[in-house]
Amino acid sequence: MEPSDRKSDGLPSASVDPREADAALADAGDIVARAAADEAAADAARARIRREGLRALAPDERVAPLLEPGELLVAIHHAALLERREPGPGERLTTGVAGELYVTSRRLVLIGRLTLSFELDAIADAVVSGERLLLVLRDGHGVALQVAEPRLLWVEIAAARARARSAQDPGATAGPQPAAR
């Protein structure tokens, strides 16, 4: 490295192609815009659920045969990607499955090349990270869901969980509502 390649602080300078910087800023702008739209959809869903309660949807031909008696379909997310992380001594197994994600009154059902199902009661915690909803299951497993609107999905799952809790104990309150972010 020639002395002329060093900045005044003694570190090598990094040249950035202005086209790459513009593309990165455009991508960042798109991500921020999608997150803002998702947050607006989540806020609208919270308000609607507080006013009207959780609405049931008509199940399509893929999920209808999988629903149990009394189980209601409350949301559908198309083009979802589910990755399940299983803790193990010194290793992590990741399996990715794409498909349609159905939120029911009792579980999450992903129908793709495989059909996966997770009971809502099995969810210990949920957090939105970027464009993913990360779920921590009570058994120690983790699930990452990549969907177009992860904040809206979080609200739908929280509302379905609250409804399930109130159905199990009719004297109980619906429980905490999803907080505005």
Protein backbone atom coordinates (compact mmCIF):
# COMPACT_ATOMS: atom_id res chain seq x y z
CA MET A 1 0.00 0.00 0.00
CA GLU A 2 1.39 3.33 -1.01
CA PRO A 3 1.39 6.23 1.45
CA SER A 4 -1.02 8.03 -0.89
CA ASP A 5 -3.59 5.21 -0.35
CA ARG A 6 -3.86 6.05 3.34
CA LYS A 7 -6.30 8.51 4.83
CA SER A 8 -4.90 11.04 7.24
CA ASP A 9 -5.79 8.75 10.16
CA GLY A 10 -3.40 6.08 8.83
CA LEU A 11 -6.14 3.66 7.74
CA PRO A 12 -6.56 2.55 4.13
CA SER A 13 -9.33 4.37 2.32
CA ALA A 14 -12.23 2.42 0.89
CA SER A 15 -13.62 3.63 -2.35
CA VAL A 16 -17.34 3.11 -2.78
CA ASP A 17 -18.93 3.10 -6.20
CA PRO A 18 -21.63 5.80 -6.07
CA ARG A 19 -24.01 3.49 -8.00
CA GLU A 20 -23.68 0.83 -5.26
CA ALA A 21 -24.32 3.43 -2.57
CA ASP A 22 -27.42 4.67 -4.42
CA ALA A 23 -28.72 1.10 -4.81
CA ALA A 24 -28.14 0.39 -1.12
CA LEU A 25 -30.01 3.54 -0.12
CA ALA A 26 -32.89 2.66 -2.46
CA ASP A 27 -33.08 -0.83 -0.93
CA ALA A 28 -33.06 0.67 2.57
CA GLY A 29 -35.82 3.07 1.55
CA ASP A 30 -37.91 0.17 0.22
CA ILE A 31 -37.44 -1.74 3.48
CA VAL A 32 -38.46 1.28 5.57
CA ALA A 33 -41.52 1.84 3.35
CA ARG A 34 -42.59 -1.83 3.68
CA ALA A 35 -42.13 -1.70 7.46
CA ALA A 36 -44.21 1.50 7.70
CA ALA A 37 -47.01 -0.02 5.59
CA ASP A 38 -46.88 -3.20 7.70
CA GLU A 39 -47.05 -1.16 10.92
CA ALA A 40 -50.07 0.75 9.56
CA ALA A 41 -51.79 -2.56 8.68
CA ALA A 42 -51.01 -3.90 12.16
CA ASP A 43 -52.41 -0.74 13.80
CA ALA A 44 -55.58 -1.01 11.70
CA ALA A 45 -55.96 -4.69 12.62
CA ARG A 46 -55.52 -3.91 16.34
CA ALA A 47 -58.23 -1.25 16.15
CA ARG A 48 -60.58 -3.53 14.17
CA ILE A 49 -60.05 -6.46 16.57
CA ARG A 50 -60.74 -4.24 19.59
CA ARG A 51 -63.94 -2.94 17.95
CA GLU A 52 -65.29 -6.10 16.32
CA GLY A 53 -63.37 -9.01 17.76
CA LEU A 54 -61.49 -11.59 15.74
CA ARG A 55 -63.25 -12.41 12.46
CA ALA A 56 -63.37 -15.91 11.00
CA LEU A 57 -62.53 -16.40 7.33
CA ALA A 58 -63.90 -19.02 5.00
CA PRO A 59 -61.29 -21.78 4.72
CA ASP A 60 -59.99 -22.64 1.26
CA GLU A 61 -59.73 -26.18 -0.13
CA ARG A 62 -56.15 -26.62 1.11
CA VAL A 63 -56.73 -25.93 4.81
CA ALA A 64 -60.40 -26.93 5.20
CA PRO A 65 -59.66 -30.69 5.56
CA LEU A 66 -57.03 -29.96 8.22
CA LEU A 67 -59.25 -27.91 10.52
CA GLU A 68 -60.49 -29.62 13.65
CA PRO A 69 -64.09 -29.27 14.87
CA GLY A 70 -64.61 -25.76 16.24
CA GLU A 71 -61.30 -24.47 14.84
CA LEU A 72 -61.66 -21.22 12.91
CA LEU A 73 -59.46 -19.73 10.22
CA VAL A 74 -58.52 -16.15 11.16
CA ALA A 75 -55.75 -15.14 8.71
CA ILE A 76 -53.87 -16.27 5.61
CA HIS A 77 -50.40 -15.16 4.55
CA HIS A 78 -49.30 -16.13 1.05
CA ALA A 79 -45.70 -16.91 0.08
CA ALA A 80 -44.50 -17.52 3.63
CA LEU A 81 -41.12 -19.04 4.41
CA LEU A 82 -40.74 -20.98 7.64
CA GLU A 83 -37.36 -21.93 9.06
CA ARG A 84 -37.26 -24.08 12.16
CA ARG A 85 -34.19 -24.02 14.33
CA GLU A 86 -33.68 -26.90 16.68
CA PRO A 87 -31.14 -26.51 19.46
CA GLY A 88 -28.67 -29.32 19.83
CA PRO A 89 -25.28 -29.77 21.41
CA GLY A 90 -22.95 -27.80 19.18
CA GLU A 91 -25.17 -27.72 16.10
CA ARG A 92 -28.20 -26.06 14.67
CA LEU A 93 -30.52 -27.67 12.14
CA THR A 94 -32.39 -25.32 9.87
CA THR A 95 -35.17 -26.49 7.61
CA GLY A 96 -36.84 -24.01 5.27
CA VAL A 97 -40.33 -24.63 3.93
CA ALA A 98 -42.28 -22.22 1.74
CA GLY A 99 -46.03 -22.16 1.32
CA GLU A 100 -49.27 -20.66 2.55
CA LEU A 101 -49.41 -19.79 6.24
CA TYR A 102 -52.78 -20.12 7.93
CA VAL A 103 -53.49 -18.68 11.37
CA THR A 104 -56.33 -20.52 13.05
CA SER A 105 -57.98 -20.10 16.40
CA ARG A 106 -55.68 -22.86 17.74
CA ARG A 107 -52.55 -23.12 15.58
CA LEU A 108 -50.32 -21.97 12.79
CA VAL A 109 -50.47 -24.24 9.74
CA LEU A 110 -48.01 -23.95 6.87
CA ILE A 111 -48.99 -25.82 3.72
CA GLY A 112 -46.25 -26.19 1.12
CA ARG A 113 -44.16 -29.15 0.00
CA LEU A 114 -44.62 -30.22 3.63
CA THR A 115 -47.44 -29.42 6.01
CA LEU A 116 -46.29 -28.09 9.37
CA SER A 117 -48.44 -27.17 12.34
CA PHE A 118 -47.65 -25.36 15.61
CA GLU A 119 -50.12 -24.99 18.46
CA LEU A 120 -50.61 -21.37 19.55
CA ASP A 121 -50.18 -22.53 23.17
CA ALA A 122 -46.67 -23.72 22.27
CA ILE A 123 -45.51 -20.15 21.55
CA ALA A 124 -43.60 -18.68 24.48
CA ASP A 125 -42.51 -15.42 22.85
CA ALA A 126 -42.60 -13.58 19.54
CA VAL A 127 -40.58 -10.68 18.17
CA VAL A 128 -40.41 -8.92 14.82
CA SER A 129 -36.92 -8.64 13.38
CA GLY A 130 -36.70 -6.90 10.04
CA GLU A 131 -39.09 -8.72 7.74
CA ARG A 132 -39.34 -11.83 9.90
CA LEU A 133 -41.41 -12.88 12.85
CA LEU A 134 -39.32 -14.91 15.25
CA LEU A 135 -41.16 -17.34 17.51
CA VAL A 136 -39.70 -19.03 20.56
CA LEU A 137 -41.56 -22.22 21.39
CA ARG A 138 -41.95 -23.51 24.94
CA ASP A 139 -39.92 -26.63 24.09
CA GLY A 140 -36.87 -24.51 23.23
CA HIS A 141 -37.25 -24.64 19.45
CA GLY A 142 -37.26 -21.51 17.38
CA VAL A 143 -39.26 -20.67 14.29
CA ALA A 144 -38.53 -17.82 11.89
CA LEU A 145 -41.41 -16.80 9.64
CA GLN A 146 -40.68 -14.59 6.67
CA VAL A 147 -43.88 -13.02 5.37
CA ALA A 148 -44.82 -9.82 3.59
CA GLU A 149 -46.33 -8.31 6.77
CA PRO A 150 -44.70 -9.75 9.91
CA ARG A 151 -46.10 -7.05 12.23
CA LEU A 152 -49.63 -7.76 11.04
CA LEU A 153 -49.01 -11.51 11.48
CA TRP A 154 -47.82 -10.83 15.05
CA VAL A 155 -51.07 -9.00 15.83
CA GLU A 156 -53.16 -11.81 14.30
CA ILE A 157 -51.31 -14.48 16.31
CA ALA A 158 -51.63 -12.47 19.53
CA ALA A 159 -55.36 -11.98 18.98
CA ALA A 160 -55.89 -15.68 18.20
CA ARG A 161 -53.92 -16.64 21.33
CA ALA A 162 -56.00 -14.24 23.47
CA ARG A 163 -59.21 -15.67 22.00
CA ALA A 164 -58.04 -19.24 22.69
CA ARG A 165 -57.18 -18.35 26.30
CA SER A 166 -60.57 -16.74 26.86
CA ALA A 167 -62.35 -19.76 25.30
CA GLN A 168 -60.53 -22.09 27.71
CA ASP A 169 -61.49 -19.96 30.71
CA PRO A 170 -64.75 -18.11 30.01
CA GLY A 171 -64.38 -16.11 33.24
CA ALA A 172 -60.94 -14.81 32.26
CA THR A 173 -60.27 -11.59 30.44
CA ALA A 174 -58.92 -11.80 26.93
CA GLY A 175 -55.42 -11.13 28.23
CA PRO A 176 -52.96 -8.55 27.08
CA GLN A 177 -53.59 -7.06 23.66
CA PRO A 178 -50.76 -6.64 21.17
CA ALA A 179 -48.98 -3.42 22.03
CA ALA A 180 -48.59 -0.67 19.50
CA ARG A 181 -45.02 -0.49 18.34
